[in-house]
PDB file of N, CA and C in Angstrom:
ATOM      1  N   UNK A   1    -140.066  31.533  32.245  1.00  0.00           N
ATOM      2  CA  UNK A   1    -140.052  32.118  30.918  1.00  0.00           C
ATOM      3  C   UNK A   1    -139.298  31.212  29.940  1.00  0.00           C
ATOM      4  N   UNK A   2    -138.202  30.617  30.396  1.00  0.00           N
ATOM      5  CA  UNK A   2    -137.423  29.723  29.540  1.00  0.00           C
ATOM      6  C   UNK A   2    -138.276  28.548  29.081  1.00  0.00           C
ATOM      7  N   UNK A   3    -139.040  27.973  29.999  1.00  0.00           N
ATOM      8  CA  UNK A   3    -139.906  26.850  29.636  1.00  0.00           C
ATOM      9  C   UNK A   3    -140.973  27.286  28.643  1.00  0.00           C
ATOM     10  N   UNK A   4    -141.475  28.517  28.792  1.00  0.00           N
ATOM     11  CA  UNK A   4    -142.489  29.039  27.869  1.00  0.00           C
ATOM     12  C   UNK A   4    -141.886  29.162  26.473  1.00  0.00           C
ATOM     13  N   UNK A   5    -140.645  29.637  26.373  1.00  0.00           N
ATOM     14  CA  UNK A   5    -140.010  29.796  25.077  1.00  0.00           C
ATOM     15  C   UNK A   5    -139.782  28.427  24.417  1.00  0.00           C
ATOM     16  N   UNK A   6    -139.357  27.435  25.200  1.00  0.00           N
ATOM     17  CA  UNK A   6    -139.143  26.094  24.660  1.00  0.00           C
ATOM     18  C   UNK A   6    -140.458  25.537  24.133  1.00  0.00           C
ATOM     19  N   UNK A   7    -141.532  25.711  24.898  1.00  0.00           N
ATOM     20  CA  UNK A   7    -142.842  25.235  24.466  1.00  0.00           C
ATOM     21  C   UNK A   7    -143.280  25.938  23.191  1.00  0.00           C
ATOM     22  N   UNK A   8    -143.083  27.248  23.138  1.00  0.00           N
ATOM     23  CA  UNK A   8    -143.501  28.011  21.973  1.00  0.00           C
ATOM     24  C   UNK A   8    -142.694  27.617  20.737  1.00  0.00           C
ATOM     25  N   UNK A   9    -141.390  27.461  20.896  1.00  0.00           N
ATOM     26  CA  UNK A   9    -140.558  27.058  19.770  1.00  0.00           C
ATOM     27  C   UNK A   9    -140.996  25.685  19.266  1.00  0.00           C
ATOM     28  N   UNK A  10    -141.310  24.782  20.190  1.00  0.00           N
ATOM     29  CA  UNK A  10    -141.786  23.454  19.796  1.00  0.00           C
ATOM     30  C   UNK A  10    -143.102  23.550  19.038  1.00  0.00           C
ATOM     31  N   UNK A  11    -144.013  24.378  19.531  1.00  0.00           N
ATOM     32  CA  UNK A  11    -145.301  24.553  18.865  1.00  0.00           C
ATOM     33  C   UNK A  11    -145.111  25.109  17.470  1.00  0.00           C
ATOM     34  N   UNK A  12    -144.269  26.113  17.346  1.00  0.00           N
ATOM     35  CA  UNK A  12    -144.024  26.715  16.043  1.00  0.00           C
ATOM     36  C   UNK A  12    -143.443  25.676  15.093  1.00  0.00           C
ATOM     37  N   UNK A  13    -142.484  24.890  15.566  1.00  0.00           N
ATOM     38  CA  UNK A  13    -141.863  23.885  14.705  1.00  0.00           C
ATOM     39  C   UNK A  13    -142.859  22.843  14.238  1.00  0.00           C
ATOM     40  N   UNK A  14    -143.672  22.354  15.160  1.00  0.00           N
ATOM     41  CA  UNK A  14    -144.555  21.250  14.810  1.00  0.00           C
ATOM     42  C   UNK A  14    -145.757  21.666  13.979  1.00  0.00           C
ATOM     43  N   UNK A  15    -146.052  22.961  13.946  1.00  0.00           N
ATOM     44  CA  UNK A  15    -147.272  23.351  13.241  1.00  0.00           C
ATOM     45  C   UNK A  15    -147.065  24.452  12.207  1.00  0.00           C
ATOM     46  N   UNK A  16    -145.853  24.701  11.837  1.00  0.00           N
ATOM     47  CA  UNK A  16    -145.564  25.818  10.946  1.00  0.00           C
ATOM     48  C   UNK A  16    -145.573  25.368   9.488  1.00  0.00           C
ATOM     49  N   UNK A  17    -146.454  25.977   8.700  1.00  0.00           N
ATOM     50  CA  UNK A  17    -146.428  25.738   7.263  1.00  0.00           C
ATOM     51  C   UNK A  17    -146.769  27.032   6.544  1.00  0.00           C
ATOM     52  N   UNK A  18    -145.818  27.910   6.389  1.00  0.00           N
ATOM     53  CA  UNK A  18    -146.049  29.203   5.780  1.00  0.00           C
ATOM     54  C   UNK A  18    -145.140  29.391   4.580  1.00  0.00           C
ATOM     55  N   UNK A  19    -145.701  29.895   3.490  1.00  0.00           N
ATOM     56  CA  UNK A  19    -144.908  30.284   2.338  1.00  0.00           C
ATOM     57  C   UNK A  19    -145.212  31.744   2.069  1.00  0.00           C
ATOM     58  N   UNK A  20    -144.262  32.590   2.341  1.00  0.00           N
ATOM     59  CA  UNK A  20    -144.439  34.024   2.187  1.00  0.00           C
ATOM     60  C   UNK A  20    -143.368  34.570   1.258  1.00  0.00           C
ATOM     61  N   UNK A  21    -143.541  34.375  -0.039  1.00  0.00           N
ATOM     62  CA  UNK A  21    -142.593  34.830  -1.032  1.00  0.00           C
ATOM     63  C   UNK A  21    -143.276  35.842  -1.941  1.00  0.00           C
ATOM     64  N   UNK A  22    -142.503  36.820  -2.392  1.00  0.00           N
ATOM     65  CA  UNK A  22    -143.016  37.709  -3.417  1.00  0.00           C
ATOM     66  C   UNK A  22    -142.845  37.016  -4.767  1.00  0.00           C
ATOM     67  N   UNK A  23    -143.345  37.636  -5.810  1.00  0.00           N
ATOM     68  CA  UNK A  23    -143.209  37.032  -7.131  1.00  0.00           C
ATOM     69  C   UNK A  23    -141.746  36.948  -7.569  1.00  0.00           C
ATOM     70  N   UNK A  24    -140.874  37.766  -6.956  1.00  0.00           N
ATOM     71  CA  UNK A  24    -139.450  37.737  -7.282  1.00  0.00           C
ATOM     72  C   UNK A  24    -138.701  36.713  -6.435  1.00  0.00           C
ATOM     73  N   UNK A  25    -139.402  36.044  -5.531  1.00  0.00           N
ATOM     74  CA  UNK A  25    -138.765  35.039  -4.697  1.00  0.00           C
ATOM     75  C   UNK A  25    -138.162  35.593  -3.413  1.00  0.00           C
ATOM     76  N   UNK A  26    -138.392  36.859  -3.123  1.00  0.00           N
ATOM     77  CA  UNK A  26    -137.862  37.440  -1.894  1.00  0.00           C
ATOM     78  C   UNK A  26    -138.888  37.293  -0.774  1.00  0.00           C
ATOM     79  N   UNK A  27    -138.397  37.325   0.445  1.00  0.00           N
ATOM     80  CA  UNK A  27    -139.271  37.184   1.600  1.00  0.00           C
ATOM     81  C   UNK A  27    -140.028  38.481   1.816  1.00  0.00           C
ATOM     82  N   UNK A  28    -141.313  38.366   2.099  1.00  0.00           N
ATOM     83  CA  UNK A  28    -142.106  39.540   2.440  1.00  0.00           C
ATOM     84  C   UNK A  28    -142.460  39.472   3.925  1.00  0.00           C
ATOM     85  N   UNK A  29    -143.038  40.529   4.436  1.00  0.00           N
ATOM     86  CA  UNK A  29    -143.375  40.580   5.858  1.00  0.00           C
ATOM     87  C   UNK A  29    -144.195  39.359   6.260  1.00  0.00           C
ATOM     88  N   UNK A  30    -143.857  38.821   7.414  1.00  0.00           N
ATOM     89  CA  UNK A  30    -144.523  37.621   7.901  1.00  0.00           C
ATOM     90  C   UNK A  30    -145.525  38.036   8.963  1.00  0.00           C
ATOM     91  N   UNK A  31    -146.772  37.709   8.740  1.00  0.00           N
ATOM     92  CA  UNK A  31    -147.812  38.014   9.712  1.00  0.00           C
ATOM     93  C   UNK A  31    -148.482  36.711  10.117  1.00  0.00           C
ATOM     94  N   UNK A  32    -148.811  36.627  11.378  1.00  0.00           N
ATOM     95  CA  UNK A  32    -149.401  35.398  11.908  1.00  0.00           C
ATOM     96  C   UNK A  32    -150.678  35.034  11.158  1.00  0.00           C
ATOM     97  N   UNK A  33    -151.474  36.014  10.797  1.00  0.00           N
ATOM     98  CA  UNK A  33    -152.741  35.745  10.113  1.00  0.00           C
ATOM     99  C   UNK A  33    -152.540  35.110   8.743  1.00  0.00           C
ATOM    100  N   UNK A  34    -151.334  35.224   8.204  1.00  0.00           N
ATOM    101  CA  UNK A  34    -151.047  34.654   6.892  1.00  0.00           C
ATOM    102  C   UNK A  34    -150.583  33.203   6.948  1.00  0.00           C
ATOM    103  N   UNK A  35    -150.366  32.697   8.149  1.00  0.00           N
ATOM    104  CA  UNK A  35    -149.942  31.307   8.279  1.00  0.00           C
ATOM    105  C   UNK A  35    -151.073  30.389   7.847  1.00  0.00           C
ATOM    106  N   UNK A  36    -150.731  29.305   7.229  1.00  0.00           N
ATOM    107  CA  UNK A  36    -151.746  28.373   6.741  1.00  0.00           C
ATOM    108  C   UNK A  36    -152.223  27.418   7.821  1.00  0.00           C
ATOM    109  N   UNK A  37    -151.354  27.070   8.733  1.00  0.00           N
ATOM    110  CA  UNK A  37    -151.731  26.137   9.778  1.00  0.00           C
ATOM    111  C   UNK A  37    -152.624  26.831  10.792  1.00  0.00           C
ATOM    112  N   UNK A  38    -153.844  26.355  10.912  1.00  0.00           N
ATOM    113  CA  UNK A  38    -154.832  27.002  11.770  1.00  0.00           C
ATOM    114  C   UNK A  38    -154.390  27.055  13.234  1.00  0.00           C
ATOM    115  N   UNK A  39    -153.742  26.016  13.696  1.00  0.00           N
ATOM    116  CA  UNK A  39    -153.342  25.961  15.102  1.00  0.00           C
ATOM    117  C   UNK A  39    -152.381  27.094  15.455  1.00  0.00           C
ATOM    118  N   UNK A  40    -151.356  27.297  14.661  1.00  0.00           N
ATOM    119  CA  UNK A  40    -150.393  28.365  14.953  1.00  0.00           C
ATOM    120  C   UNK A  40    -150.964  29.724  14.568  1.00  0.00           C
ATOM    121  N   UNK A  41    -151.791  29.776  13.541  1.00  0.00           N
ATOM    122  CA  UNK A  41    -152.394  31.038  13.121  1.00  0.00           C
ATOM    123  C   UNK A  41    -153.283  31.608  14.232  1.00  0.00           C
ATOM    124  N   UNK A  42    -153.937  30.735  14.978  1.00  0.00           N
ATOM    125  CA  UNK A  42    -154.839  31.181  16.032  1.00  0.00           C
ATOM    126  C   UNK A  42    -154.211  31.166  17.424  1.00  0.00           C
ATOM    127  N   UNK A  43    -152.966  30.698  17.525  1.00  0.00           N
ATOM    128  CA  UNK A  43    -152.297  30.622  18.824  1.00  0.00           C
ATOM    129  C   UNK A  43    -151.926  32.021  19.308  1.00  0.00           C
ATOM    130  N   UNK A  44    -152.135  32.277  20.553  1.00  0.00           N
ATOM    131  CA  UNK A  44    -151.816  33.592  21.118  1.00  0.00           C
ATOM    132  C   UNK A  44    -150.348  33.603  21.547  1.00  0.00           C
ATOM    133  N   UNK A  45    -149.491  33.877  20.589  1.00  0.00           N
ATOM    134  CA  UNK A  45    -148.052  33.877  20.820  1.00  0.00           C
ATOM    135  C   UNK A  45    -147.695  34.950  21.846  1.00  0.00           C
ATOM    136  N   UNK A  46    -146.962  34.529  22.871  1.00  0.00           N
ATOM    137  CA  UNK A  46    -146.467  35.406  23.937  1.00  0.00           C
ATOM    138  C   UNK A  46    -147.581  36.109  24.706  1.00  0.00           C
ATOM    139  N   UNK A  47    -148.731  35.505  24.778  1.00  0.00           N
ATOM    140  CA  UNK A  47    -149.874  36.103  25.462  1.00  0.00           C
ATOM    141  C   UNK A  47    -149.523  36.532  26.888  1.00  0.00           C
ATOM    142  N   UNK A  48    -148.778  35.691  27.601  1.00  0.00           N
ATOM    143  CA  UNK A  48    -148.398  36.024  28.973  1.00  0.00           C
ATOM    144  C   UNK A  48    -147.569  37.291  29.052  1.00  0.00           C
ATOM    145  N   UNK A  49    -146.674  37.474  28.115  1.00  0.00           N
ATOM    146  CA  UNK A  49    -145.854  38.687  28.097  1.00  0.00           C
ATOM    147  C   UNK A  49    -146.689  39.903  27.719  1.00  0.00           C
ATOM    148  N   UNK A  50    -147.594  39.740  26.774  1.00  0.00           N
ATOM    149  CA  UNK A  50    -148.459  40.857  26.382  1.00  0.00           C
ATOM    150  C   UNK A  50    -149.376  41.276  27.533  1.00  0.00           C
ATOM    151  N   UNK A  51    -149.784  40.328  28.355  1.00  0.00           N
ATOM    152  CA  UNK A  51    -150.693  40.629  29.466  1.00  0.00           C
ATOM    153  C   UNK A  51    -149.981  41.125  30.715  1.00  0.00           C
ATOM    154  N   UNK A  52    -148.668  41.144  30.707  1.00  0.00           N
ATOM    155  CA  UNK A  52    -147.883  41.577  31.856  1.00  0.00           C
ATOM    156  C   UNK A  52    -147.286  42.949  31.554  1.00  0.00           C
ATOM    157  N   UNK A  53    -147.690  43.962  32.285  1.00  0.00           N
ATOM    158  CA  UNK A  53    -147.245  45.330  32.018  1.00  0.00           C
ATOM    159  C   UNK A  53    -145.741  45.513  32.204  1.00  0.00           C
ATOM    160  N   UNK A  54    -145.080  44.556  32.817  1.00  0.00           N
ATOM    161  CA  UNK A  54    -143.626  44.624  32.987  1.00  0.00           C
ATOM    162  C   UNK A  54    -142.907  44.586  31.638  1.00  0.00           C
ATOM    163  N   UNK A  55    -143.494  43.914  30.671  1.00  0.00           N
ATOM    164  CA  UNK A  55    -142.869  43.774  29.365  1.00  0.00           C
ATOM    165  C   UNK A  55    -143.430  44.816  28.396  1.00  0.00           C
ATOM    166  N   UNK A  56    -142.561  45.659  27.835  1.00  0.00           N
ATOM    167  CA  UNK A  56    -143.023  46.672  26.875  1.00  0.00           C
ATOM    168  C   UNK A  56    -143.526  46.023  25.587  1.00  0.00           C
ATOM    169  N   UNK A  57    -144.708  46.434  25.159  1.00  0.00           N
ATOM    170  CA  UNK A  57    -145.346  45.801  24.000  1.00  0.00           C
ATOM    171  C   UNK A  57    -144.463  45.851  22.759  1.00  0.00           C
ATOM    172  N   UNK A  58    -143.790  46.979  22.517  1.00  0.00           N
ATOM    173  CA  UNK A  58    -142.953  47.072  21.313  1.00  0.00           C
ATOM    174  C   UNK A  58    -141.810  46.066  21.348  1.00  0.00           C
ATOM    175  N   UNK A  59    -141.271  45.809  22.520  1.00  0.00           N
ATOM    176  CA  UNK A  59    -140.200  44.817  22.648  1.00  0.00           C
ATOM    177  C   UNK A  59    -140.743  43.406  22.460  1.00  0.00           C
ATOM    178  N   UNK A  60    -141.915  43.149  23.014  1.00  0.00           N
ATOM    179  CA  UNK A  60    -142.544  41.834  22.847  1.00  0.00           C
ATOM    180  C   UNK A  60    -142.907  41.621  21.380  1.00  0.00           C
ATOM    181  N   UNK A  61    -143.337  42.675  20.709  1.00  0.00           N
ATOM    182  CA  UNK A  61    -143.622  42.579  19.275  1.00  0.00           C
ATOM    183  C   UNK A  61    -142.386  42.118  18.506  1.00  0.00           C
ATOM    184  N   UNK A  62    -141.214  42.590  18.916  1.00  0.00           N
ATOM    185  CA  UNK A  62    -139.968  42.195  18.244  1.00  0.00           C
ATOM    186  C   UNK A  62    -139.685  40.708  18.456  1.00  0.00           C
ATOM    187  N   UNK A  63    -139.932  40.216  19.659  1.00  0.00           N
ATOM    188  CA  UNK A  63    -139.742  38.787  19.933  1.00  0.00           C
ATOM    189  C   UNK A  63    -140.716  37.980  19.083  1.00  0.00           C
ATOM    190  N   UNK A  64    -141.945  38.431  19.021  1.00  0.00           N
ATOM    191  CA  UNK A  64    -142.952  37.727  18.224  1.00  0.00           C
ATOM    192  C   UNK A  64    -142.550  37.689  16.751  1.00  0.00           C
ATOM    193  N   UNK A  65    -142.029  38.792  16.245  1.00  0.00           N
ATOM    194  CA  UNK A  65    -141.595  38.831  14.846  1.00  0.00           C
ATOM    195  C   UNK A  65    -140.483  37.813  14.584  1.00  0.00           C
ATOM    196  N   UNK A  66    -139.580  37.664  15.545  1.00  0.00           N
ATOM    197  CA  UNK A  66    -138.504  36.680  15.409  1.00  0.00           C
ATOM    198  C   UNK A  66    -139.082  35.269  15.375  1.00  0.00           C
ATOM    199  N   UNK A  67    -140.062  35.002  16.227  1.00  0.00           N
ATOM    200  CA  UNK A  67    -140.676  33.678  16.250  1.00  0.00           C
ATOM    201  C   UNK A  67    -141.428  33.378  14.949  1.00  0.00           C
ATOM    202  N   UNK A  68    -142.086  34.385  14.398  1.00  0.00           N
ATOM    203  CA  UNK A  68    -142.773  34.183  13.117  1.00  0.00           C
ATOM    204  C   UNK A  68    -141.759  33.972  11.998  1.00  0.00           C
ATOM    205  N   UNK A  69    -140.641  34.681  12.060  1.00  0.00           N
ATOM    206  CA  UNK A  69    -139.571  34.475  11.084  1.00  0.00           C
ATOM    207  C   UNK A  69    -139.012  33.054  11.205  1.00  0.00           C
ATOM    208  N   UNK A  70    -138.875  32.590  12.434  1.00  0.00           N
ATOM    209  CA  UNK A  70    -138.417  31.223  12.691  1.00  0.00           C
ATOM    210  C   UNK A  70    -139.369  30.222  12.027  1.00  0.00           C
ATOM    211  N   UNK A  71    -140.656  30.442  12.187  1.00  0.00           N
ATOM    212  CA  UNK A  71    -141.662  29.581  11.570  1.00  0.00           C
ATOM    213  C   UNK A  71    -141.494  29.575  10.049  1.00  0.00           C
ATOM    214  N   UNK A  72    -141.354  30.745   9.482  1.00  0.00           N
ATOM    215  CA  UNK A  72    -141.173  30.851   8.041  1.00  0.00           C
ATOM    216  C   UNK A  72    -139.907  30.107   7.591  1.00  0.00           C
ATOM    217  N   UNK A  73    -138.831  30.262   8.345  1.00  0.00           N
ATOM    218  CA  UNK A  73    -137.569  29.618   7.971  1.00  0.00           C
ATOM    219  C   UNK A  73    -137.655  28.096   8.047  1.00  0.00           C
ATOM    220  N   UNK A  74    -138.440  27.602   8.980  1.00  0.00           N
ATOM    221  CA  UNK A  74    -138.652  26.152   9.048  1.00  0.00           C
ATOM    222  C   UNK A  74    -139.367  25.684   7.787  1.00  0.00           C
ATOM    223  N   UNK A  75    -140.396  26.424   7.407  1.00  0.00           N
ATOM    224  CA  UNK A  75    -141.132  26.051   6.195  1.00  0.00           C
ATOM    225  C   UNK A  75    -140.240  26.148   4.961  1.00  0.00           C
ATOM    226  N   UNK A  76    -139.482  27.194   4.886  1.00  0.00           N
ATOM    227  CA  UNK A  76    -138.648  27.423   3.711  1.00  0.00           C
ATOM    228  C   UNK A  76    -137.563  26.355   3.565  1.00  0.00           C
ATOM    229  N   UNK A  77    -136.894  26.041   4.652  1.00  0.00           N
ATOM    230  CA  UNK A  77    -135.758  25.113   4.555  1.00  0.00           C
ATOM    231  C   UNK A  77    -136.132  23.657   4.813  1.00  0.00           C
ATOM    232  N   UNK A  78    -137.292  23.431   5.427  1.00  0.00           N
ATOM    233  CA  UNK A  78    -137.750  22.072   5.726  1.00  0.00           C
ATOM    234  C   UNK A  78    -136.614  21.217   6.313  1.00  0.00           C
ATOM    235  N   UNK A  79    -136.165  21.545   7.522  1.00  0.00           N
ATOM    236  CA  UNK A  79    -135.035  20.810   8.103  1.00  0.00           C
ATOM    237  C   UNK A  79    -135.303  19.307   8.152  1.00  0.00           C
ATOM    238  N   UNK A  80    -134.320  18.561   7.738  1.00  0.00           N
ATOM    239  CA  UNK A  80    -134.449  17.106   7.684  1.00  0.00           C
ATOM    240  C   UNK A  80    -133.813  16.421   8.894  1.00  0.00           C
ATOM    241  N   UNK A  81    -132.952  17.154   9.588  1.00  0.00           N
ATOM    242  CA  UNK A  81    -132.270  16.578  10.745  1.00  0.00           C
ATOM    243  C   UNK A  81    -132.439  17.503  11.941  1.00  0.00           C
ATOM    244  N   UNK A  82    -132.220  16.945  13.101  1.00  0.00           N
ATOM    245  CA  UNK A  82    -132.266  17.739  14.314  1.00  0.00           C
ATOM    246  C   UNK A  82    -131.200  18.828  14.287  1.00  0.00           C
ATOM    247  N   UNK A  83    -130.049  18.532  13.726  1.00  0.00           N
ATOM    248  CA  UNK A  83    -128.971  19.526  13.618  1.00  0.00           C
ATOM    249  C   UNK A  83    -129.438  20.733  12.798  1.00  0.00           C
ATOM    250  N   UNK A  84    -130.123  20.479  11.688  1.00  0.00           N
ATOM    251  CA  UNK A  84    -130.634  21.573  10.852  1.00  0.00           C
ATOM    252  C   UNK A  84    -131.665  22.401  11.620  1.00  0.00           C
ATOM    253  N   UNK A  85    -132.521  21.735  12.365  1.00  0.00           N
ATOM    254  CA  UNK A  85    -133.509  22.449  13.167  1.00  0.00           C
ATOM    255  C   UNK A  85    -132.822  23.283  14.243  1.00  0.00           C
ATOM    256  N   UNK A  86    -131.816  22.701  14.888  1.00  0.00           N
ATOM    257  CA  UNK A  86    -131.080  23.424  15.919  1.00  0.00           C
ATOM    258  C   UNK A  86    -130.429  24.685  15.354  1.00  0.00           C
ATOM    259  N   UNK A  87    -129.919  24.608  14.141  1.00  0.00           N
ATOM    260  CA  UNK A  87    -129.309  25.791  13.529  1.00  0.00           C
ATOM    261  C   UNK A  87    -130.331  26.914  13.404  1.00  0.00           C
ATOM    262  N   UNK A  88    -131.541  26.570  12.981  1.00  0.00           N
ATOM    263  CA  UNK A  88    -132.599  27.584  12.876  1.00  0.00           C
ATOM    264  C   UNK A  88    -132.990  28.116  14.248  1.00  0.00           C
ATOM    265  N   UNK A  89    -133.130  27.218  15.208  1.00  0.00           N
ATOM    266  CA  UNK A  89    -133.548  27.651  16.541  1.00  0.00           C
ATOM    267  C   UNK A  89    -132.460  28.468  17.219  1.00  0.00           C
ATOM    268  N   UNK A  90    -131.189  28.132  16.978  1.00  0.00           N
ATOM    269  CA  UNK A  90    -130.097  28.909  17.564  1.00  0.00           C
ATOM    270  C   UNK A  90    -130.079  30.324  16.997  1.00  0.00           C
ATOM    271  N   UNK A  91    -130.358  30.446  15.720  1.00  0.00           N
ATOM    272  CA  UNK A  91    -130.419  31.770  15.102  1.00  0.00           C
ATOM    273  C   UNK A  91    -131.522  32.602  15.747  1.00  0.00           C
ATOM    274  N   UNK A  92    -132.698  32.017  15.896  1.00  0.00           N
ATOM    275  CA  UNK A  92    -133.814  32.729  16.529  1.00  0.00           C
ATOM    276  C   UNK A  92    -133.482  33.076  17.979  1.00  0.00           C
ATOM    277  N   UNK A  93    -132.865  32.150  18.689  1.00  0.00           N
ATOM    278  CA  UNK A  93    -132.509  32.391  20.086  1.00  0.00           C
ATOM    279  C   UNK A  93    -131.510  33.535  20.197  1.00  0.00           C
ATOM    280  N   UNK A  94    -130.504  33.564  19.333  1.00  0.00           N
ATOM    281  CA  UNK A  94    -129.528  34.664  19.356  1.00  0.00           C
ATOM    282  C   UNK A  94    -130.219  36.000  19.105  1.00  0.00           C
ATOM    283  N   UNK A  95    -131.123  36.024  18.146  1.00  0.00           N
ATOM    284  CA  UNK A  95    -131.833  37.267  17.845  1.00  0.00           C
ATOM    285  C   UNK A  95    -132.656  37.726  19.048  1.00  0.00           C
ATOM    286  N   UNK A  96    -133.319  36.800  19.705  1.00  0.00           N
ATOM    287  CA  UNK A  96    -134.105  37.152  20.888  1.00  0.00           C
ATOM    288  C   UNK A  96    -133.183  37.630  21.998  1.00  0.00           C
ATOM    289  N   UNK A  97    -132.087  36.931  22.230  1.00  0.00           N
ATOM    290  CA  UNK A  97    -131.139  37.352  23.261  1.00  0.00           C
ATOM    291  C   UNK A  97    -130.571  38.740  22.979  1.00  0.00           C
ATOM    292  N   UNK A  98    -130.414  39.075  21.709  1.00  0.00           N
ATOM    293  CA  UNK A  98    -129.900  40.397  21.335  1.00  0.00           C
ATOM    294  C   UNK A  98    -130.889  41.519  21.642  1.00  0.00           C
ATOM    295  N   UNK A  99    -132.106  41.171  21.972  1.00  0.00           N
ATOM    296  CA  UNK A  99    -133.105  42.179  22.339  1.00  0.00           C
ATOM    297  C   UNK A  99    -133.015  42.583  23.807  1.00  0.00           C
ATOM    298  N   UNK A 100    -132.123  41.966  24.561  1.00  0.00           N
ATOM    299  CA  UNK A 100    -132.025  42.255  25.986  1.00  0.00           C
ATOM    300  C   UNK A 100    -131.861  43.754  26.244  1.00  0.00           C
ATOM    301  N   UNK A 101    -131.000  44.415  25.487  1.00  0.00           N
ATOM    302  CA  UNK A 101    -130.774  45.856  25.681  1.00  0.00           C
ATOM    303  C   UNK A 101    -132.053  46.648  25.399  1.00  0.00           C
ATOM    304  N   UNK A 102    -132.802  46.235  24.395  1.00  0.00           N
ATOM    305  CA  UNK A 102    -134.069  46.886  24.076  1.00  0.00           C
ATOM    306  C   UNK A 102    -135.022  46.804  25.272  1.00  0.00           C
ATOM    307  N   UNK A 103    -135.075  45.651  25.899  1.00  0.00           N
ATOM    308  CA  UNK A 103    -135.916  45.488  27.082  1.00  0.00           C
ATOM    309  C   UNK A 103    -135.400  46.358  28.226  1.00  0.00           C
ATOM    310  N   UNK A 104    -134.073  46.371  28.457  1.00  0.00           N
ATOM    311  CA  UNK A 104    -133.493  47.207  29.517  1.00  0.00           C
ATOM    312  C   UNK A 104    -133.838  48.676  29.323  1.00  0.00           C
ATOM    313  N   UNK A 105    -133.706  49.141  28.093  1.00  0.00           N
ATOM    314  CA  UNK A 105    -133.988  50.548  27.797  1.00  0.00           C
ATOM    315  C   UNK A 105    -135.441  50.914  28.057  1.00  0.00           C
ATOM    316  N   UNK A 106    -136.293  49.928  28.109  1.00  0.00           N
ATOM    317  CA  UNK A 106    -137.716  50.153  28.347  1.00  0.00           C
ATOM    318  C   UNK A 106    -138.130  49.713  29.747  1.00  0.00           C
ATOM    319  N   UNK A 107    -137.150  49.600  30.650  1.00  0.00           N
ATOM    320  CA  UNK A 107    -137.450  49.283  32.042  1.00  0.00           C
ATOM    321  C   UNK A 107    -137.861  47.855  32.309  1.00  0.00           C
ATOM    322  N   UNK A 108    -137.398  46.946  31.485  1.00  0.00           N
ATOM    323  CA  UNK A 108    -137.767  45.552  31.616  1.00  0.00           C
ATOM    324  C   UNK A 108    -136.538  44.696  31.349  1.00  0.00           C
ATOM    325  N   UNK A 109    -136.725  43.407  31.277  1.00  0.00           N
ATOM    326  CA  UNK A 109    -135.655  42.494  30.900  1.00  0.00           C
ATOM    327  C   UNK A 109    -136.254  41.181  30.451  1.00  0.00           C
ATOM    328  N   UNK A 110    -135.471  40.444  29.699  1.00  0.00           N
ATOM    329  CA  UNK A 110    -135.868  39.100  29.317  1.00  0.00           C
ATOM    330  C   UNK A 110    -135.477  38.175  30.456  1.00  0.00           C
ATOM    331  N   UNK A 111    -136.404  37.391  30.915  1.00  0.00           N
ATOM    332  CA  UNK A 111    -136.122  36.448  31.987  1.00  0.00           C
ATOM    333  C   UNK A 111    -135.633  35.159  31.366  1.00  0.00           C
ATOM    334  N   UNK A 112    -134.507  34.669  31.857  1.00  0.00           N
ATOM    335  CA  UNK A 112    -133.934  33.467  31.274  1.00  0.00           C
ATOM    336  C   UNK A 112    -133.870  32.318  32.256  1.00  0.00           C
ATOM    337  N   UNK A 113    -134.333  32.518  33.443  1.00  0.00           N
ATOM    338  CA  UNK A 113    -134.310  31.441  34.446  1.00  0.00           C
ATOM    339  C   UNK A 113    -135.389  30.406  34.186  1.00  0.00           C
ATOM    340  N   UNK A 114    -135.164  29.185  34.655  1.00  0.00           N
ATOM    341  CA  UNK A 114    -136.117  28.113  34.382  1.00  0.00           C
ATOM    342  C   UNK A 114    -137.002  27.798  35.516  1.00  0.00           C
TER     343      UNK A 114
END
């Protein structure tokens, strides 16, 4: 699962080009179908987790939302250095890790082994 997350984060970083702003400049809901990059827009994010009944769909939806937010944040901030990218990825990783209790409450868990 850890390797899958690394691959997915890399894919999102390399192909993310989304601008999702309201007219007031605030962020609006991020949906995969709204992404401009065809590769990420059509990518089946977390398909393995969705196809495995061990993982509750609502919890997986939360992970997916974090990954889409990560994509948006990359586009918005356009990191120029690896350090800047790491800051964004660490934020997304912390948010995903914070979902562990949500998974436990639904009879599942996030697998972190490699």
